[in-house]
Protein backbone atom coordinates (compact mmCIF):
# COMPACT_ATOMS: atom_id res chain seq x y z
CA MET A 1 -109.87 104.62 120.00
CA SER A 2 -112.49 107.05 118.80
CA VAL A 3 -114.26 107.34 115.48
CA ALA A 4 -114.02 110.70 113.71
CA VAL A 5 -114.97 112.22 110.38
CA LEU A 6 -112.33 114.35 108.73
CA ASP A 7 -111.00 115.48 105.37
CA SER A 8 -107.88 117.19 104.08
CA LYS A 9 -109.10 120.59 105.29
CA THR A 10 -109.28 119.30 108.87
CA VAL A 11 -105.57 118.53 108.71
CA THR A 12 -104.43 121.59 106.76
CA ARG A 13 -106.39 124.04 108.92
CA PHE A 14 -104.76 122.53 112.01
CA MET A 15 -101.32 122.98 110.47
CA GLU A 16 -102.15 126.54 109.40
CA ALA A 17 -103.05 127.37 113.01
CA LYS A 18 -99.32 127.81 113.60
CA GLU A 19 -99.37 128.29 117.35
CA ALA A 20 -101.69 125.34 118.02
CA PHE A 21 -99.71 123.09 115.67
CA LYS A 22 -96.39 124.21 117.17
CA LYS A 23 -97.61 123.50 120.72
CA CYS A 24 -98.78 120.07 119.65
CA VAL A 25 -95.46 119.22 117.95
CA GLU A 26 -93.54 120.45 121.01
CA LYS A 27 -95.74 118.36 123.30
CA TYR A 28 -95.07 115.19 121.31
CA PHE A 29 -91.37 115.97 121.01
CA LYS A 30 -91.07 116.28 124.78
CA MET A 31 -92.98 113.04 125.20
CA LEU A 32 -90.52 111.22 122.90
CA ASP A 33 -87.47 112.99 124.36
CA SER A 34 -87.94 111.10 127.60
CA ASN A 35 -84.46 111.86 128.95
CA GLY A 36 -84.78 115.59 128.18
CA ASN A 37 -81.58 115.91 126.15
CA GLY A 38 -83.28 117.78 123.30
CA VAL A 39 -83.03 115.03 120.67
CA ILE A 40 -84.84 111.85 119.62
CA CYS A 41 -82.99 108.68 118.62
CA ARG A 42 -84.14 106.18 115.95
CA ARG A 43 -85.78 103.83 118.44
CA LYS A 44 -87.77 106.63 120.07
CA LEU A 45 -88.88 107.94 116.69
CA ARG A 46 -90.17 104.52 115.68
CA GLU A 47 -92.13 104.24 118.93
CA GLY A 48 -93.37 107.78 118.45
CA LEU A 49 -94.55 107.33 114.88
CA ASP A 50 -96.58 104.32 115.93
CA LEU A 51 -98.16 106.39 118.72
CA LEU A 52 -98.67 109.68 116.88
CA PHE A 53 -100.11 108.31 113.68
CA THR A 54 -101.73 105.04 114.82
CA VAL A 55 -100.85 103.20 111.65
CA GLU A 56 -102.03 99.63 111.24
CA HIS A 57 -99.57 97.44 109.34
CA GLU A 58 -100.73 94.79 106.91
CA SER A 59 -99.91 91.35 108.23
CA THR A 60 -98.07 90.68 104.97
CA VAL A 61 -95.50 93.42 105.71
CA SER A 62 -92.42 92.06 107.41
CA LYS A 63 -90.86 93.58 110.52
CA GLU A 64 -87.73 94.16 108.44
CA ASP A 65 -89.70 96.18 105.87
CA ILE A 66 -91.29 98.26 108.61
CA ASP A 67 -87.88 98.85 110.22
CA ASN A 68 -86.44 99.88 106.84
CA PHE A 69 -89.34 102.28 106.33
CA HIS A 70 -88.79 103.93 109.72
CA SER A 71 -85.05 104.12 109.06
CA MET A 72 -85.64 105.80 105.69
CA ILE A 73 -87.90 108.39 107.31
CA PHE A 74 -85.34 109.05 110.04
CA ASP A 75 -82.50 109.47 107.52
CA LYS A 76 -84.53 111.87 105.38
CA PHE A 77 -85.14 114.28 108.26
CA ASP A 78 -81.82 113.96 110.12
CA GLU A 79 -80.48 117.00 108.26
CA ASP A 80 -77.20 117.31 110.16
CA ARG A 81 -76.60 113.51 110.01
CA ASN A 82 -75.85 113.25 113.74
CA GLY A 83 -78.09 110.20 114.22
CA LYS A 84 -80.65 112.16 116.23
CA LEU A 85 -83.59 114.46 115.48
CA ASP A 86 -83.86 117.82 117.19
CA LEU A 87 -87.13 119.73 117.55
CA TYR A 88 -86.70 121.51 114.21
CA GLU A 89 -86.08 118.23 112.33
CA PHE A 90 -88.95 116.50 114.15
CA ALA A 91 -91.34 119.38 113.30
CA ALA A 92 -90.40 119.12 109.61
CA LEU A 93 -91.05 115.37 109.71
CA VAL A 94 -94.45 115.74 111.37
CA LYS A 95 -95.48 118.49 108.97
CA GLU A 96 -94.54 116.44 105.91
CA ILE A 97 -96.34 113.34 107.15
CA MET A 98 -99.46 115.36 108.01
CA MET A 99 -99.42 116.97 104.55
CA ALA A 100 -99.12 113.55 102.91
CA MET A 101 -102.06 112.30 104.95
CA ALA A 102 -104.12 115.34 103.95
CA ARG A 103 -103.33 114.78 100.26
CA GLY A 104 -104.26 111.12 100.63
CA MET A 105 -107.63 111.95 102.18
CA GLY A 106 -108.68 114.42 99.56
CA SER A 107 -111.68 116.69 99.91
CA LEU A 108 -114.30 114.06 100.66
CA PRO A 109 -114.94 113.25 104.33
CA VAL A 110 -113.60 109.94 105.60
CA ILE A 111 -114.51 108.05 108.75
CA VAL A 112 -111.48 106.85 110.69
CA ALA A 113 -110.72 105.22 114.01
CA LEU A 114 -108.17 107.37 115.85
CA ASP A 115 -106.20 106.92 119.02
CA GLN A 116 -106.88 109.70 121.54
CA ASP A 117 -103.21 110.75 121.46
CA SER A 118 -102.75 110.77 117.67
CA LEU A 119 -101.98 113.92 115.75
CA LEU A 120 -105.02 113.41 113.54
CA MET A 121 -107.18 113.39 116.67
CA MET A 122 -105.55 116.70 117.67
CA ALA A 123 -106.52 118.06 114.24
CA VAL A 124 -110.12 116.91 114.75
CA GLN A 125 -110.24 118.44 118.23
CA HIS A 126 -108.82 121.70 116.87
CA GLU A 127 -111.53 121.80 114.21
CA ILE A 128 -114.26 121.13 116.77
CA GLY A 129 -112.91 123.91 118.98
CA SER A 130 -112.73 126.45 116.14
């Protein structure tokens, strides 16, 4: 874990850098598509969301509630209803979650602890490199 300072602009600028954001999404998709078949199943998405976004769950939230939350996310982005997410569907999911995080942060800087492999850390690194 690393500590970083970021705000909504950190996230939105990263997403607006289309090529950098696309490469990052493709990298994570390939990491989750461990068998290389071009799709991600529900279980892999759940594991991936925990890795990519490093979300801490309140101890009062049940495993069932967390599973239902992940299932709802999966169903929303599985556009063709085949029970799997392809790269296009995964990219739409990541973009929407990143936009929600940016809106939640607002324009004031926040200090957060980030996993080195999280998408928010990629946004911070992109900002530092720009």
